[in-house]
Amino acid sequence: APPARWQISCALSSPLLRLRSLDATSVGARAWRVRAVVENDGWLPTNVTEKAVEKKAVRPVEAEIVLPSGARLAAGEPRQELGQLAGRSRATTMIADFGWMEDSTPDRAKVDWVVEADAGTTVQITIRHPRAGVVRGEITLQ
């Protein structure tokens, strides 16, 4: 039982990607800004240790957009690297709790694309990391 409890504890503290938001905003005739925000909902950072980054033993979080025929990517790369995301183990000070300091969000990353397509077109987003999993979403441009 003790080894099983330890293994469960390790699994529960692992990094875990979560798609926080996915939206599309019209920015012109047949042009849409597609924005995805991903966060690490796990306790550990996506790289787990700083040594993994130092030794280049872990890949960054990657975001990818897939467009149907008839749609075109006007800005942004189809696949983008978002770096590593901090986990919930990131310590904050009591001062930050009172709003006296800026509390940045290194556990989140944002990616934008500009897509040229007709209203009603559905695009798919995949965000992946080898240690934190895969999240997928799709949005209809309207």
N, C-alpha and C. Protein backbone atom coordinates (compact mmCIF):
# COMPACT_ATOMS: atom_id res chain seq x y z
N ALA A 1 0.80 -1.21 0.00
CA ALA A 1 0.00 0.00 0.00
C ALA A 1 0.85 1.28 0.00
N PRO A 2 1.92 1.40 0.78
CA PRO A 2 2.70 2.64 0.75
C PRO A 2 3.24 2.99 -0.65
N PRO A 3 3.81 2.02 -1.39
CA PRO A 3 4.27 2.39 -2.74
C PRO A 3 3.12 2.85 -3.64
N ALA A 4 1.97 2.25 -3.51
CA ALA A 4 0.82 2.65 -4.32
C ALA A 4 0.40 4.07 -3.97
N ARG A 5 0.37 4.40 -2.68
CA ARG A 5 0.01 5.77 -2.27
C ARG A 5 1.01 6.78 -2.82
N TRP A 6 2.30 6.43 -2.79
CA TRP A 6 3.32 7.32 -3.31
C TRP A 6 3.14 7.52 -4.81
N GLN A 7 2.87 6.45 -5.56
CA GLN A 7 2.67 6.56 -7.01
C GLN A 7 1.43 7.39 -7.34
N ILE A 8 0.38 7.23 -6.58
CA ILE A 8 -0.83 8.04 -6.79
C ILE A 8 -0.52 9.50 -6.51
N SER A 9 0.23 9.77 -5.47
CA SER A 9 0.62 11.14 -5.14
C SER A 9 1.43 11.76 -6.27
N CYS A 10 2.36 11.01 -6.84
CA CYS A 10 3.16 11.51 -7.97
C CYS A 10 2.27 11.80 -9.17
N ALA A 11 1.35 10.91 -9.46
CA ALA A 11 0.45 11.12 -10.60
C ALA A 11 -0.43 12.36 -10.40
N LEU A 12 -0.90 12.56 -9.20
CA LEU A 12 -1.77 13.71 -8.93
C LEU A 12 -1.01 15.04 -8.98
N SER A 13 0.30 15.02 -8.81
CA SER A 13 1.07 16.26 -8.84
C SER A 13 1.64 16.56 -10.23
N SER A 14 1.43 15.67 -11.17
CA SER A 14 1.97 15.83 -12.53
C SER A 14 1.39 17.06 -13.22
N PRO A 15 2.13 17.61 -14.21
CA PRO A 15 1.58 18.71 -15.00
C PRO A 15 0.38 18.22 -15.80
N LEU A 16 -0.57 19.11 -16.05
CA LEU A 16 -1.79 18.74 -16.76
C LEU A 16 -2.30 19.95 -17.54
N LEU A 17 -2.29 19.84 -18.87
CA LEU A 17 -2.79 20.94 -19.70
C LEU A 17 -4.31 21.02 -19.62
N ARG A 18 -4.81 22.26 -19.67
CA ARG A 18 -6.25 22.50 -19.71
C ARG A 18 -6.47 23.69 -20.65
N LEU A 19 -7.43 23.55 -21.56
CA LEU A 19 -7.77 24.64 -22.46
C LEU A 19 -8.64 25.62 -21.69
N ARG A 20 -8.09 26.77 -21.37
CA ARG A 20 -8.82 27.76 -20.57
C ARG A 20 -9.86 28.49 -21.41
N SER A 21 -9.49 28.87 -22.64
CA SER A 21 -10.46 29.54 -23.51
C SER A 21 -10.06 29.36 -24.97
N LEU A 22 -11.07 29.43 -25.82
CA LEU A 22 -10.89 29.37 -27.26
C LEU A 22 -11.97 30.26 -27.86
N ASP A 23 -11.55 31.31 -28.55
CA ASP A 23 -12.55 32.20 -29.14
C ASP A 23 -12.10 32.70 -30.50
N ALA A 24 -13.07 33.17 -31.26
CA ALA A 24 -12.82 33.73 -32.58
C ALA A 24 -13.53 35.07 -32.66
N THR A 25 -12.81 36.08 -33.14
CA THR A 25 -13.34 37.43 -33.27
C THR A 25 -13.17 37.90 -34.71
N SER A 26 -14.22 38.45 -35.28
CA SER A 26 -14.13 38.98 -36.64
C SER A 26 -13.23 40.21 -36.64
N VAL A 27 -12.27 40.23 -37.57
CA VAL A 27 -11.36 41.37 -37.69
C VAL A 27 -11.41 41.96 -39.11
N GLY A 28 -12.42 41.57 -39.87
CA GLY A 28 -12.58 42.08 -41.23
C GLY A 28 -13.41 41.12 -42.05
N ALA A 29 -13.59 41.47 -43.32
CA ALA A 29 -14.36 40.61 -44.21
C ALA A 29 -13.63 39.27 -44.37
N ARG A 30 -14.26 38.21 -43.96
CA ARG A 30 -13.71 36.85 -44.03
C ARG A 30 -12.43 36.67 -43.21
N ALA A 31 -12.15 37.56 -42.27
CA ALA A 31 -10.94 37.45 -41.45
C ALA A 31 -11.34 37.30 -39.98
N TRP A 32 -10.71 36.36 -39.30
CA TRP A 32 -11.04 36.05 -37.90
C TRP A 32 -9.76 35.88 -37.10
N ARG A 33 -9.74 36.48 -35.92
CA ARG A 33 -8.63 36.21 -35.00
C ARG A 33 -9.07 35.06 -34.11
N VAL A 34 -8.33 33.98 -34.18
CA VAL A 34 -8.60 32.81 -33.34
C VAL A 34 -7.58 32.82 -32.23
N ARG A 35 -8.05 32.82 -30.99
CA ARG A 35 -7.16 32.88 -29.83
C ARG A 35 -7.45 31.69 -28.91
N ALA A 36 -6.39 31.01 -28.52
CA ALA A 36 -6.49 29.93 -27.55
C ALA A 36 -5.62 30.27 -26.36
N VAL A 37 -6.14 30.01 -25.17
CA VAL A 37 -5.38 30.18 -23.93
C VAL A 37 -5.33 28.82 -23.25
N VAL A 38 -4.12 28.37 -22.97
CA VAL A 38 -3.92 27.08 -22.32
C VAL A 38 -3.26 27.32 -20.98
N GLU A 39 -3.56 26.45 -20.02
CA GLU A 39 -2.92 26.57 -18.71
C GLU A 39 -2.51 25.21 -18.20
N ASN A 40 -1.53 25.23 -17.32
CA ASN A 40 -1.09 24.03 -16.64
C ASN A 40 -1.88 23.94 -15.34
N ASP A 41 -2.79 23.00 -15.26
CA ASP A 41 -3.63 22.82 -14.08
C ASP A 41 -2.99 21.87 -13.07
N GLY A 42 -1.80 21.38 -13.39
CA GLY A 42 -1.11 20.47 -12.48
C GLY A 42 -0.28 21.21 -11.45
N TRP A 43 0.22 20.49 -10.48
CA TRP A 43 1.00 21.09 -9.41
C TRP A 43 2.43 21.37 -9.88
N LEU A 44 3.01 20.46 -10.64
CA LEU A 44 4.38 20.64 -11.14
C LEU A 44 4.37 21.40 -12.46
N PRO A 45 5.47 22.09 -12.79
CA PRO A 45 5.57 22.76 -14.10
C PRO A 45 5.64 21.70 -15.21
N THR A 46 5.37 22.12 -16.45
CA THR A 46 5.39 21.17 -17.55
C THR A 46 6.76 20.53 -17.74
N ASN A 47 7.82 21.26 -17.44
CA ASN A 47 9.16 20.69 -17.57
C ASN A 47 9.51 19.81 -16.38
N VAL A 48 8.73 19.81 -15.34
CA VAL A 48 8.89 19.05 -14.09
C VAL A 48 10.11 19.53 -13.31
N THR A 49 11.29 19.55 -13.94
CA THR A 49 12.50 20.04 -13.26
C THR A 49 13.24 21.02 -14.15
N GLU A 50 14.02 21.90 -13.53
CA GLU A 50 14.83 22.84 -14.29
C GLU A 50 15.96 22.11 -15.02
N LYS A 51 16.41 20.99 -14.49
CA LYS A 51 17.45 20.20 -15.15
C LYS A 51 16.96 19.73 -16.51
N ALA A 52 15.68 19.40 -16.64
CA ALA A 52 15.14 18.95 -17.92
C ALA A 52 15.27 20.05 -18.97
N VAL A 53 15.04 21.30 -18.57
CA VAL A 53 15.19 22.43 -19.50
C VAL A 53 16.68 22.64 -19.80
N GLU A 54 17.48 22.63 -18.76
CA GLU A 54 18.92 22.85 -18.91
C GLU A 54 19.55 21.83 -19.86
N LYS A 55 19.14 20.59 -19.76
CA LYS A 55 19.71 19.52 -20.60
C LYS A 55 18.92 19.31 -21.90
N LYS A 56 17.91 20.17 -22.11
CA LYS A 56 17.07 20.08 -23.31
C LYS A 56 16.45 18.69 -23.45
N ALA A 57 15.96 18.18 -22.33
CA ALA A 57 15.36 16.85 -22.30
C ALA A 57 13.85 16.88 -22.40
N VAL A 58 13.28 18.07 -22.56
CA VAL A 58 11.83 18.17 -22.65
C VAL A 58 11.46 19.20 -23.73
N ARG A 59 10.45 18.85 -24.49
CA ARG A 59 9.99 19.76 -25.55
C ARG A 59 9.04 20.79 -24.96
N PRO A 60 8.88 21.94 -25.63
CA PRO A 60 7.94 22.95 -25.14
C PRO A 60 6.49 22.56 -25.45
N VAL A 61 5.56 23.28 -24.85
CA VAL A 61 4.16 23.14 -25.19
C VAL A 61 3.99 23.60 -26.63
N GLU A 62 3.24 22.85 -27.43
CA GLU A 62 3.03 23.19 -28.84
C GLU A 62 1.54 23.35 -29.12
N ALA A 63 1.21 24.38 -29.89
CA ALA A 63 -0.17 24.62 -30.30
C ALA A 63 -0.24 24.49 -31.82
N GLU A 64 -1.30 23.86 -32.30
CA GLU A 64 -1.46 23.65 -33.73
C GLU A 64 -2.90 23.93 -34.13
N ILE A 65 -3.06 24.60 -35.27
CA ILE A 65 -4.39 24.87 -35.81
C ILE A 65 -4.53 24.07 -37.10
N VAL A 66 -5.71 23.47 -37.29
CA VAL A 66 -6.01 22.71 -38.49
C VAL A 66 -7.20 23.37 -39.16
N LEU A 67 -7.01 23.74 -40.42
CA LEU A 67 -8.05 24.44 -41.17
C LEU A 67 -8.67 23.52 -42.22
N PRO A 68 -9.96 23.66 -42.46
CA PRO A 68 -10.60 22.88 -43.52
C PRO A 68 -10.27 23.48 -44.89
N SER A 69 -10.61 22.77 -45.93
CA SER A 69 -10.38 23.32 -47.28
C SER A 69 -11.23 24.58 -47.44
N GLY A 70 -10.69 25.54 -48.15
CA GLY A 70 -11.37 26.81 -48.34
C GLY A 70 -10.97 27.86 -47.33
N ALA A 71 -10.28 27.46 -46.29
CA ALA A 71 -9.79 28.41 -45.27
C ALA A 71 -8.29 28.58 -45.46
N ARG A 72 -7.78 29.74 -45.06
CA ARG A 72 -6.36 30.04 -45.22
C ARG A 72 -5.85 30.74 -43.98
N LEU A 73 -4.63 30.41 -43.59
CA LEU A 73 -4.00 31.07 -42.46
C LEU A 73 -3.35 32.36 -42.96
N ALA A 74 -3.85 33.51 -42.49
CA ALA A 74 -3.34 34.81 -42.93
C ALA A 74 -2.21 35.32 -42.05
N ALA A 75 -2.19 34.94 -40.78
CA ALA A 75 -1.12 35.36 -39.86
C ALA A 75 -0.91 34.27 -38.82
N GLY A 76 0.33 34.09 -38.46
CA GLY A 76 0.68 33.07 -37.49
C GLY A 76 1.12 31.80 -38.20
N GLU A 77 1.88 31.00 -37.50
CA GLU A 77 2.33 29.71 -38.03
C GLU A 77 1.32 28.63 -37.65
N PRO A 78 1.13 27.63 -38.50
CA PRO A 78 0.17 26.57 -38.15
C PRO A 78 0.53 25.86 -36.83
N ARG A 79 1.82 25.73 -36.57
CA ARG A 79 2.29 25.09 -35.33
C ARG A 79 3.20 26.08 -34.63
N GLN A 80 2.90 26.36 -33.35
CA GLN A 80 3.70 27.32 -32.59
C GLN A 80 4.14 26.72 -31.26
N GLU A 81 5.36 27.04 -30.86
CA GLU A 81 5.88 26.61 -29.57
C GLU A 81 5.56 27.67 -28.54
N LEU A 82 5.05 27.25 -27.39
CA LEU A 82 4.62 28.17 -26.34
C LEU A 82 5.52 28.15 -25.12
N GLY A 83 6.58 27.38 -25.15
CA GLY A 83 7.49 27.30 -24.00
C GLY A 83 6.98 26.36 -22.93
N GLN A 84 7.50 26.52 -21.72
CA GLN A 84 7.09 25.71 -20.58
C GLN A 84 6.12 26.52 -19.71
N LEU A 85 5.24 25.84 -19.02
CA LEU A 85 4.27 26.50 -18.15
C LEU A 85 4.51 26.11 -16.70
N ALA A 86 4.47 27.10 -15.83
CA ALA A 86 4.64 26.84 -14.39
C ALA A 86 3.45 26.03 -13.88
N GLY A 87 3.63 25.40 -12.76
CA GLY A 87 2.54 24.66 -12.13
C GLY A 87 1.99 25.42 -10.94
N ARG A 88 1.06 24.79 -10.24
CA ARG A 88 0.46 25.44 -9.07
C ARG A 88 1.38 25.45 -7.87
N SER A 89 2.55 24.81 -7.99
CA SER A 89 3.51 24.84 -6.89
C SER A 89 4.19 26.19 -6.78
N ARG A 90 3.98 27.03 -7.79
CA ARG A 90 4.60 28.37 -7.80
C ARG A 90 4.13 29.13 -6.56
N ALA A 91 5.07 29.52 -5.75
CA ALA A 91 4.74 30.18 -4.48
C ALA A 91 4.44 31.66 -4.72
N THR A 92 3.45 32.18 -4.03
CA THR A 92 3.19 33.61 -4.05
C THR A 92 3.35 34.13 -2.62
N THR A 93 3.60 35.40 -2.51
CA THR A 93 3.77 35.98 -1.19
C THR A 93 2.42 36.48 -0.67
N MET A 94 2.35 36.72 0.60
CA MET A 94 1.14 37.26 1.19
C MET A 94 0.86 38.66 0.63
N ILE A 95 1.90 39.40 0.32
CA ILE A 95 1.72 40.73 -0.23
C ILE A 95 0.96 40.66 -1.55
N ALA A 96 1.28 39.66 -2.37
CA ALA A 96 0.60 39.51 -3.66
C ALA A 96 -0.90 39.27 -3.45
N ASP A 97 -1.26 38.59 -2.35
CA ASP A 97 -2.66 38.31 -2.08
C ASP A 97 -3.46 39.59 -1.83
N PHE A 98 -2.79 40.63 -1.38
CA PHE A 98 -3.46 41.90 -1.11
C PHE A 98 -3.44 42.84 -2.31
N GLY A 99 -2.87 42.38 -3.43
CA GLY A 99 -2.86 43.17 -4.65
C GLY A 99 -1.78 44.22 -4.70
N TRP A 100 -0.79 44.16 -3.81
CA TRP A 100 0.27 45.14 -3.80
C TRP A 100 1.36 44.83 -4.82
N MET A 101 1.33 43.63 -5.34
CA MET A 101 2.32 43.22 -6.33
C MET A 101 1.60 42.59 -7.51
N GLU A 102 2.20 42.71 -8.68
CA GLU A 102 1.62 42.05 -9.85
C GLU A 102 1.84 40.55 -9.73
N ASP A 103 0.79 39.79 -9.90
CA ASP A 103 0.89 38.34 -9.86
C ASP A 103 0.74 37.84 -11.30
N SER A 104 1.88 37.66 -11.97
CA SER A 104 1.83 37.23 -13.36
C SER A 104 1.29 35.81 -13.45
N THR A 105 1.05 35.36 -14.65
CA THR A 105 0.46 34.03 -14.83
C THR A 105 1.37 33.16 -15.69
N PRO A 106 2.51 32.73 -15.14
CA PRO A 106 3.42 31.89 -15.93
C PRO A 106 2.88 30.47 -16.13
N ASP A 107 1.72 30.18 -15.55
CA ASP A 107 1.10 28.88 -15.76
C ASP A 107 0.19 28.88 -16.99
N ARG A 108 0.11 30.02 -17.71
CA ARG A 108 -0.75 30.15 -18.89
C ARG A 108 0.04 30.65 -20.08
N ALA A 109 -0.47 30.30 -21.26
CA ALA A 109 0.11 30.81 -22.51
C ALA A 109 -1.03 31.09 -23.48
N LYS A 110 -0.81 32.07 -24.35
CA LYS A 110 -1.82 32.48 -25.32
C LYS A 110 -1.22 32.33 -26.71
N VAL A 111 -2.05 31.92 -27.65
CA VAL A 111 -1.61 31.82 -29.03
C VAL A 111 -2.71 32.40 -29.92
N ASP A 112 -2.31 33.18 -30.92
CA ASP A 112 -3.25 33.81 -31.85
C ASP A 112 -2.93 33.41 -33.28
N TRP A 113 -3.98 33.28 -34.06
CA TRP A 113 -3.88 33.10 -35.51
C TRP A 113 -4.90 34.02 -36.16
N VAL A 114 -4.64 34.43 -37.39
CA VAL A 114 -5.65 35.12 -38.18
C VAL A 114 -5.99 34.18 -39.33
N VAL A 115 -7.28 33.87 -39.43
CA VAL A 115 -7.77 32.91 -40.41
C VAL A 115 -8.68 33.62 -41.39
N GLU A 116 -8.49 33.35 -42.67
CA GLU A 116 -9.42 33.84 -43.69
C GLU A 116 -10.33 32.69 -44.06
N ALA A 117 -11.63 32.87 -43.78
CA ALA A 117 -12.60 31.81 -44.06
C ALA A 117 -14.00 32.40 -44.00
N ASP A 118 -14.95 31.68 -44.54
CA ASP A 118 -16.34 32.10 -44.48
C ASP A 118 -16.89 31.86 -43.08
N ALA A 119 -17.89 32.67 -42.71
CA ALA A 119 -18.59 32.44 -41.44
C ALA A 119 -19.19 31.03 -41.49
N GLY A 120 -19.17 30.36 -40.37
CA GLY A 120 -19.68 29.00 -40.30
C GLY A 120 -18.60 27.94 -40.45
N THR A 121 -17.39 28.36 -40.79
CA THR A 121 -16.27 27.42 -40.91
C THR A 121 -15.82 27.00 -39.52
N THR A 122 -15.50 25.71 -39.38
CA THR A 122 -15.03 25.20 -38.10
C THR A 122 -13.53 24.92 -38.18
N VAL A 123 -12.78 25.43 -37.21
CA VAL A 123 -11.34 25.17 -37.15
C VAL A 123 -11.05 24.37 -35.88
N GLN A 124 -10.00 23.59 -35.94
CA GLN A 124 -9.62 22.73 -34.82
C GLN A 124 -8.28 23.15 -34.27
N ILE A 125 -8.17 23.08 -32.96
CA ILE A 125 -6.95 23.45 -32.24
C ILE A 125 -6.49 22.23 -31.44
N THR A 126 -5.20 21.96 -31.46
CA THR A 126 -4.61 20.91 -30.62
C THR A 126 -3.41 21.52 -29.91
N ILE A 127 -3.36 21.35 -28.60
CA ILE A 127 -2.23 21.81 -27.81
C ILE A 127 -1.69 20.60 -27.06
N ARG A 128 -0.37 20.40 -27.16
CA ARG A 128 0.20 19.17 -26.59
C ARG A 128 1.53 19.44 -25.90
N HIS A 129 1.81 18.55 -24.99
CA HIS A 129 3.11 18.54 -24.31
C HIS A 129 3.37 17.10 -23.88
N PRO A 130 4.60 16.59 -24.07
CA PRO A 130 4.85 15.19 -23.78
C PRO A 130 4.63 14.79 -22.31
N ARG A 131 4.77 15.73 -21.39
CA ARG A 131 4.60 15.40 -19.97
C ARG A 131 3.26 15.88 -19.40
N ALA A 132 2.57 16.76 -20.12
CA ALA A 132 1.35 17.36 -19.57
C ALA A 132 0.09 16.98 -20.34
N GLY A 133 0.23 16.22 -21.41
CA GLY A 133 -0.94 15.73 -22.12
C GLY A 133 -1.32 16.55 -23.35
N VAL A 134 -2.52 16.28 -23.84
CA VAL A 134 -3.05 16.89 -25.06
C VAL A 134 -4.44 17.42 -24.76
N VAL A 135 -4.71 18.64 -25.24
CA VAL A 135 -6.07 19.18 -25.18
C VAL A 135 -6.46 19.59 -26.59
N ARG A 136 -7.73 19.40 -26.90
CA ARG A 136 -8.24 19.74 -28.22
C ARG A 136 -9.49 20.59 -28.08
N GLY A 137 -9.70 21.42 -29.07
CA GLY A 137 -10.91 22.22 -29.11
C GLY A 137 -11.24 22.56 -30.54
N GLU A 138 -12.48 22.90 -30.78
CA GLU A 138 -12.87 23.38 -32.08
C GLU A 138 -13.83 24.53 -31.92
N ILE A 139 -13.79 25.43 -32.88
CA ILE A 139 -14.64 26.61 -32.80
C ILE A 139 -15.16 26.92 -34.20
N THR A 140 -16.42 27.33 -34.23
CA THR A 140 -17.04 27.73 -35.48
C THR A 140 -16.94 29.24 -35.59
N LEU A 141 -16.46 29.72 -36.71
CA LEU A 141 -16.27 31.14 -36.93
C LEU A 141 -17.63 31.77 -37.23
N GLN A 142 -18.08 32.65 -36.34
CA GLN A 142 -19.37 33.34 -36.54
C GLN A 142 -19.45 34.60 -35.74
